């Protein structure tokens, strides 16, 4: 098989990033789109050249012409549709987080273990050229053992509202929406070590700052300024079995002077900042040296990231490559996130067996 036949469940903003990448990929035949709003499914299918549109994802999963699916629904249905897709014999790319809770994530992992299907998590930033270049340095032991990392994503007026701000649907606030990206990048670059303890805090002090109208913000389609049951800010110290540690903070709403994203890892032989731009620090000839790899972009680029993520999923589904973000990685990240919330609620460090 040289063509990968694809269906997409969900037709919202993130789905259209998947659809754009699929439509531009010569290895892909885009078969169908499913959305609870059939008219939207039909419109999106027409826009991206999909052959069919469904209102019920079960109909898409029953479509024998489809080899793999992207799941781009609200967080509360990731586990449901991922498991259904695996059981229908499809390869699966499920958007992050893989699930709202560890229990849901483990159900997906059990389905993965009963199957021979590729199940990939939408950690799109892993696929960015700046991340892959840094990973190549780390894999070649240029930085030595990574023992410390910092992950930060801070927004001043960044609560999208709608389902993002409804904990029952989303599972959490900035920690599950944007903090997960920077946490995952560090954990991936550190070699995916086993977590042993987490000490975390969450704060709900200033809400979504809907009163601020002088700054642009992304708003969910179901935005409601009075709907908010998620945290403003989360932070954590995460310790791993190999002795390494990670410092994390993320926010939707914070009285900061600027929005910022910072991802950095530090090893015995060198360190690196991945975001806001790739820089590597090391020693040469008894001197401190900063290295700037000459690549097209030293920061994350949205379109390139999704194109490369989709290519990796397609290649894995066709048996040409291993997935860069296997399902168990999604499970372990959810394990850490759930421990942060548990620590924040109890006011104590959480130990993980």
Protein backbone atom coordinates (compact mmCIF):
# COMPACT_ATOMS: atom_id res chain seq x y z
CA UNK A 1 0.00 0.00 0.00
CA UNK A 2 1.47 3.35 -1.06
CA UNK A 3 -1.52 5.60 -0.34
CA UNK A 4 -2.83 6.23 3.16
CA UNK A 5 -6.60 6.71 3.21
CA UNK A 6 -7.74 9.06 5.93
CA UNK A 7 -10.81 10.20 7.83
CA UNK A 8 -11.00 13.08 10.30
CA UNK A 9 -13.36 13.15 13.30
CA UNK A 10 -14.17 16.74 14.23
CA UNK A 11 -14.27 19.79 11.96
CA UNK A 12 -13.14 22.62 14.23
CA UNK A 13 -9.99 24.73 14.23
CA UNK A 14 -7.47 22.01 15.10
CA UNK A 15 -9.09 19.59 12.65
CA UNK A 16 -8.49 22.04 9.85
CA UNK A 17 -4.76 22.04 10.66
CA UNK A 18 -4.81 18.26 10.19
CA UNK A 19 -6.92 18.55 7.05
CA UNK A 20 -4.59 21.13 5.50
CA UNK A 21 -1.61 18.83 6.06
CA UNK A 22 -3.47 15.80 4.71
CA UNK A 23 -4.70 17.69 1.64
CA UNK A 24 -1.14 18.78 0.82
CA UNK A 25 0.38 15.30 1.33
CA UNK A 26 0.85 13.28 -1.85
CA UNK A 27 0.78 10.01 0.13
CA UNK A 28 -2.76 10.67 1.39
CA UNK A 29 -6.23 10.10 -0.01
CA UNK A 30 -8.65 12.14 2.11
CA UNK A 31 -11.83 10.06 2.33
CA UNK A 32 -14.19 11.56 4.92
CA UNK A 33 -14.92 14.11 7.64
CA UNK A 34 -17.31 13.51 10.55
CA UNK A 35 -18.78 16.18 12.79
CA UNK A 36 -21.90 16.34 14.97
CA UNK A 37 -22.91 19.29 12.77
CA UNK A 38 -23.47 17.59 9.41
CA UNK A 39 -23.61 20.83 7.46
CA UNK A 40 -20.22 21.84 8.85
CA UNK A 41 -18.85 18.38 8.05
CA UNK A 42 -20.08 18.71 4.47
CA UNK A 43 -18.66 22.21 4.10
CA UNK A 44 -15.26 21.22 5.50
CA UNK A 45 -15.17 18.03 3.41
CA UNK A 46 -15.83 20.07 0.28
CA UNK A 47 -13.17 22.64 1.19
CA UNK A 48 -10.45 20.02 1.64
CA UNK A 49 -11.53 17.60 -1.05
CA UNK A 50 -12.80 14.76 1.16
CA UNK A 51 -15.15 12.39 -0.61
CA UNK A 52 -17.75 11.93 2.13
CA UNK A 53 -19.19 13.64 5.21
CA UNK A 54 -20.81 12.02 8.23
CA UNK A 55 -22.74 13.30 11.24
CA UNK A 56 -21.96 10.15 13.24
CA UNK A 57 -18.27 9.20 13.66
CA UNK A 58 -19.34 5.56 13.99
CA UNK A 59 -20.27 5.69 10.30
CA UNK A 60 -16.82 7.02 9.45
CA UNK A 61 -15.17 4.27 11.50
CA UNK A 62 -17.28 1.67 9.68
CA UNK A 63 -16.04 2.99 6.32
CA UNK A 64 -13.81 0.19 5.00
CA UNK A 65 -12.04 2.57 2.63
CA UNK A 66 -10.39 4.38 5.57
CA UNK A 67 -7.00 3.24 6.93
CA UNK A 68 -6.38 5.89 9.57
CA UNK A 69 -8.17 8.64 11.43
CA UNK A 70 -7.34 11.91 13.16
CA UNK A 71 -9.40 12.55 16.28
CA UNK A 72 -9.87 16.30 16.68
CA UNK A 73 -12.82 16.49 19.04
CA UNK A 74 -13.26 18.04 22.49
CA UNK A 75 -11.06 16.46 25.17
CA UNK A 76 -13.95 14.64 26.84
CA UNK A 77 -14.39 12.35 23.81
CA UNK A 78 -10.73 11.64 22.94
CA UNK A 79 -10.72 8.32 24.79
CA UNK A 80 -14.12 7.25 23.45
CA UNK A 81 -13.24 7.80 19.81
CA UNK A 82 -9.63 6.60 20.09
CA UNK A 83 -10.76 3.26 21.52
CA UNK A 84 -13.57 2.96 18.98
CA UNK A 85 -11.15 3.69 16.15
CA UNK A 86 -8.61 1.14 17.37
CA UNK A 87 -11.33 -1.48 17.70
CA UNK A 88 -12.50 -0.63 14.17
CA UNK A 89 -9.01 -1.50 12.94
CA UNK A 90 -7.90 2.03 12.12
CA UNK A 91 -4.55 3.67 12.75
CA UNK A 92 -5.14 6.64 15.07
CA UNK A 93 -3.73 10.12 15.55
CA UNK A 94 -5.45 11.58 18.61
CA UNK A 95 -5.00 15.21 19.53
CA UNK A 96 -3.42 16.06 22.87
CA UNK A 97 -4.15 15.41 25.63
CA UNK A 98 -4.69 11.75 24.83
CA UNK A 99 -7.38 11.83 27.54
CA UNK A 100 -8.68 14.00 30.38
CA UNK A 101 -7.68 11.57 33.12
CA UNK A 102 -5.17 8.81 33.73
CA UNK A 103 -7.98 6.25 33.95
CA UNK A 104 -9.18 7.19 30.45
CA UNK A 105 -5.60 7.19 29.14
CA UNK A 106 -4.97 3.71 30.53
CA UNK A 107 -8.11 2.43 28.80
CA UNK A 108 -6.64 3.66 25.52
CA UNK A 109 -3.31 2.00 26.30
CA UNK A 110 -5.06 -1.30 26.97
CA UNK A 111 -6.79 -1.04 23.59
CA UNK A 112 -3.42 -0.28 21.97
CA UNK A 113 -1.89 -3.39 23.55
CA UNK A 114 -4.71 -5.56 22.15
CA UNK A 115 -4.10 -4.19 18.66
CA UNK A 116 -1.40 -3.93 16.02
CA UNK A 117 -2.52 -0.43 14.98
CA UNK A 118 -0.38 2.73 15.14
CA UNK A 119 -1.74 5.06 17.82
CA UNK A 120 -0.01 8.44 17.89
CA UNK A 121 -0.55 11.46 20.14
CA UNK A 122 -0.75 14.98 18.71
CA UNK A 123 2.42 16.37 20.30
CA UNK A 124 2.97 18.52 17.24
CA UNK A 125 5.89 20.52 18.64
CA UNK A 126 8.03 17.37 18.75
CA UNK A 127 7.98 17.35 14.96
CA UNK A 128 9.27 20.91 14.55
CA UNK A 129 12.70 21.10 12.87
CA UNK A 130 14.19 23.02 15.81
CA UNK A 131 13.15 20.22 18.19
CA UNK A 132 14.40 17.45 15.92
CA UNK A 133 17.75 19.19 15.41
CA UNK A 134 18.20 19.54 19.17
CA UNK A 135 17.14 15.92 19.67
CA UNK A 136 19.87 14.85 17.26
CA UNK A 137 22.46 16.72 19.36
CA UNK A 138 21.15 15.07 22.54
CA UNK A 139 21.02 11.59 20.99
CA UNK A 140 24.65 12.03 19.90
CA UNK A 141 25.52 12.80 23.57
CA UNK A 142 26.66 16.34 22.75
CA UNK A 143 24.91 17.65 25.89
CA UNK A 144 25.67 14.66 28.12
CA UNK A 145 23.16 13.47 30.69
CA UNK A 146 20.21 15.88 30.92
CA UNK A 147 19.56 16.54 34.60
CA UNK A 148 17.45 19.72 34.62
CA UNK A 149 14.81 21.32 32.42
CA UNK A 150 12.52 24.34 32.45
CA UNK A 151 9.16 24.54 30.70
CA UNK A 152 7.12 27.73 30.69
CA UNK A 153 4.16 29.04 28.69
CA UNK A 154 2.61 32.21 30.07
CA UNK A 155 -0.26 34.22 28.61
CA UNK A 156 -1.75 37.42 29.94
CA UNK A 157 -5.13 37.25 28.21
CA UNK A 158 -5.22 33.76 26.77
CA UNK A 159 -8.25 31.89 28.08
CA UNK A 160 -10.12 30.77 24.93
CA UNK A 161 -13.35 30.36 26.90
CA UNK A 162 -16.07 27.98 25.76
CA UNK A 163 -15.31 24.28 26.21
CA UNK A 164 -11.64 25.09 26.94
CA UNK A 165 -12.81 26.82 30.15
CA UNK A 166 -15.25 24.07 31.16
CA UNK A 167 -13.35 21.57 33.31
CA UNK A 168 -15.91 18.82 32.79
CA UNK A 169 -15.24 18.91 29.04
CA UNK A 170 -11.58 19.97 28.86
CA UNK A 171 -10.27 18.22 31.97
CA UNK A 172 -8.36 21.34 33.02
CA UNK A 173 -7.14 24.76 31.99
CA UNK A 174 -3.75 25.99 30.78
CA UNK A 175 -2.05 22.90 32.20
CA UNK A 176 -3.88 20.58 29.77
CA UNK A 177 -4.09 23.05 26.89
CA UNK A 178 -0.72 24.82 26.60
CA UNK A 179 1.37 23.61 29.53
CA UNK A 180 1.21 20.10 28.12
CA UNK A 181 3.16 21.21 25.04
CA UNK A 182 6.16 22.61 26.91
CA UNK A 183 6.09 19.83 29.51
CA UNK A 184 6.10 17.23 26.75
CA UNK A 185 8.95 18.90 24.87
CA UNK A 186 11.19 18.81 27.94
CA UNK A 187 10.21 15.26 28.88
CA UNK A 188 10.83 14.08 25.30
CA UNK A 189 14.22 15.78 25.10
CA UNK A 190 15.18 14.39 28.52
CA UNK A 191 14.68 10.86 27.17
CA UNK A 192 11.19 10.21 28.58
CA UNK A 193 12.30 9.35 32.15
CA UNK A 194 9.97 7.73 34.69
CA UNK A 195 8.33 10.26 37.02
CA UNK A 196 8.60 9.55 40.75
CA UNK A 197 7.20 12.65 42.45
CA UNK A 198 5.33 15.85 41.74
CA UNK A 199 4.77 18.98 43.79
CA UNK A 200 2.27 21.31 42.15
CA UNK A 201 0.10 24.36 42.65
CA UNK A 202 -2.88 25.77 40.78
CA UNK A 203 -4.46 29.21 41.14
CA UNK A 204 -7.83 30.67 40.20
CA UNK A 205 -7.41 34.33 41.06
CA UNK A 206 -8.22 36.55 38.07
CA UNK A 207 -10.49 34.48 35.81
CA UNK A 208 -10.40 34.84 32.06
CA UNK A 209 -9.95 38.66 32.10
CA UNK A 210 -12.91 39.09 29.76
CA UNK A 211 -12.96 42.74 30.77
CA UNK A 212 -9.76 43.33 28.80
CA UNK A 213 -10.82 44.30 25.28
CA UNK A 214 -7.68 46.09 24.09
CA UNK A 215 -5.72 42.94 23.27
CA UNK A 216 -6.48 40.28 20.66
CA UNK A 217 -7.32 36.78 21.88
CA UNK A 218 -8.41 33.49 20.39
CA UNK A 219 -11.99 32.68 21.36
CA UNK A 220 -13.63 29.28 21.13
CA UNK A 221 -16.73 29.06 18.95
CA UNK A 222 -18.84 28.63 22.10
CA UNK A 223 -17.12 31.47 24.01
CA UNK A 224 -19.01 32.78 27.05
CA UNK A 225 -17.25 35.32 29.32
CA UNK A 226 -19.09 33.97 32.37
CA UNK A 227 -18.18 30.33 31.78
CA UNK A 228 -14.95 29.40 33.53
CA UNK A 229 -14.18 26.50 35.87
CA UNK A 230 -10.47 26.01 35.15
CA UNK A 231 -7.30 27.33 36.73
CA UNK A 232 -5.58 30.58 35.72
CA UNK A 233 -2.09 29.30 36.51
CA UNK A 234 -0.35 26.03 37.32
CA UNK A 235 3.20 25.33 38.37
CA UNK A 236 5.13 22.25 39.45
CA UNK A 237 8.44 20.67 40.34
CA UNK A 238 8.66 17.21 38.78
CA UNK A 239 11.29 14.66 39.80
CA UNK A 240 12.35 11.59 37.84
CA UNK A 241 13.76 8.17 38.67
CA UNK A 242 17.17 9.07 37.21
CA UNK A 243 17.50 12.07 39.56
CA UNK A 244 16.61 14.69 36.93
CA UNK A 245 14.07 17.40 37.65
CA UNK A 246 11.79 19.69 35.66
CA UNK A 247 10.34 23.07 36.58
CA UNK A 248 7.00 23.92 34.91
CA UNK A 249 4.68 26.91 34.87
CA UNK A 250 1.83 27.84 32.56
CA UNK A 251 -1.05 30.31 32.53
CA UNK A 252 -4.08 31.53 30.62
CA UNK A 253 -4.37 34.71 32.70
CA UNK A 254 -1.43 36.35 34.43
CA UNK A 255 -0.37 39.91 35.23
CA UNK A 256 2.87 39.50 33.29
CA UNK A 257 4.52 42.16 31.15
CA UNK A 258 4.43 39.94 28.06
CA UNK A 259 3.30 36.58 26.76
CA UNK A 260 6.19 34.13 26.76
CA UNK A 261 7.21 30.57 25.96
CA UNK A 262 10.48 29.15 27.27
CA UNK A 263 11.75 25.60 26.91
CA UNK A 264 15.28 24.69 28.03
CA UNK A 265 17.27 21.59 28.96
CA UNK A 266 20.62 21.38 30.76
CA UNK A 267 23.14 18.54 30.71
CA UNK A 268 26.59 17.73 32.02
CA UNK A 269 28.33 18.67 28.77
CA UNK A 270 26.01 21.38 27.44
CA UNK A 271 22.61 22.99 27.57
CA UNK A 272 20.06 24.32 25.12
CA UNK A 273 17.13 26.66 24.78
CA UNK A 274 14.57 25.33 22.33
CA UNK A 275 12.03 28.14 22.65
CA UNK A 276 11.71 31.02 21.98
CA UNK A 277 14.60 30.11 19.64
CA UNK A 278 17.11 27.27 19.42
CA UNK A 279 20.47 28.05 21.04
CA UNK A 280 22.99 25.52 22.29
CA UNK A 281 25.62 26.22 24.96
CA UNK A 282 28.73 24.11 25.54
CA UNK A 283 32.47 24.30 26.22
CA UNK A 284 35.25 24.09 23.65
CA UNK A 285 38.95 24.52 24.33
CA UNK A 286 38.29 25.79 27.86
CA UNK A 287 35.87 28.42 26.59
CA UNK A 288 32.11 28.78 26.84
CA UNK A 289 30.64 28.59 23.34
CA UNK A 290 27.12 29.36 22.10
CA UNK A 291 25.97 27.55 18.99
CA UNK A 292 23.15 28.63 16.68
CA UNK A 293 22.26 25.83 14.25
CA UNK A 294 21.62 27.23 10.79
CA UNK A 295 18.13 25.97 9.98
CA UNK A 296 15.17 27.58 8.23
CA UNK A 297 13.59 28.54 11.55
CA UNK A 298 14.90 28.14 15.08
CA UNK A 299 11.41 28.37 16.58
CA UNK A 300 8.19 26.38 16.17
CA UNK A 301 6.28 27.01 12.96
CA UNK A 302 2.64 25.92 13.02
CA UNK A 303 2.20 24.78 9.42
CA UNK A 304 5.55 23.00 9.22
CA UNK A 305 4.93 21.26 12.53
CA UNK A 306 1.59 19.85 11.43
CA UNK A 307 2.89 18.85 8.00
CA UNK A 308 5.72 16.88 9.61
CA UNK A 309 3.44 15.38 12.27
CA UNK A 310 1.01 14.14 9.63
CA UNK A 311 3.89 12.79 7.52
CA UNK A 312 5.18 10.83 10.51
CA UNK A 313 1.70 9.39 11.16
CA UNK A 314 1.29 8.46 7.50
CA UNK A 315 4.76 6.87 7.35
CA UNK A 316 4.07 4.92 10.56
CA UNK A 317 0.71 3.74 9.23
CA UNK A 318 2.35 2.61 6.00
CA UNK A 319 5.08 0.78 7.92
CA UNK A 320 7.85 3.09 6.76
CA UNK A 321 8.76 4.66 10.12
CA UNK A 322 8.20 4.55 13.86
CA UNK A 323 5.83 7.06 15.42
CA UNK A 324 7.65 9.93 17.13
CA UNK A 325 4.83 10.19 19.71
CA UNK A 326 3.47 6.73 20.62
CA UNK A 327 0.38 6.35 22.77
CA UNK A 328 2.26 5.40 25.94
CA UNK A 329 4.00 8.78 25.87
CA UNK A 330 0.58 10.42 25.99
CA UNK A 331 -0.34 8.23 28.94
CA UNK A 332 2.78 9.20 30.90
CA UNK A 333 2.23 12.90 30.29
CA UNK A 334 -1.35 12.57 31.58
CA UNK A 335 0.06 10.74 34.62
CA UNK A 336 2.21 13.79 35.39
CA UNK A 337 -0.61 16.27 34.77
CA UNK A 338 -3.03 14.40 37.00
CA UNK A 339 -0.39 14.29 39.75
CA UNK A 340 0.05 18.07 39.50
CA UNK A 341 -3.67 18.60 40.06
CA UNK A 342 -3.68 16.06 42.91
CA UNK A 343 -0.72 17.77 44.59
CA UNK A 344 -2.33 21.19 44.21
CA UNK A 345 -5.57 19.93 45.76
CA UNK A 346 -3.90 18.20 48.70
CA UNK A 347 -1.18 20.78 49.28
CA UNK A 348 1.35 17.96 49.44
CA UNK A 349 3.89 16.30 47.20
CA UNK A 350 2.51 13.31 45.30
CA UNK A 351 4.68 10.19 45.09
CA UNK A 352 4.25 8.00 42.02
CA UNK A 353 5.05 4.31 42.29
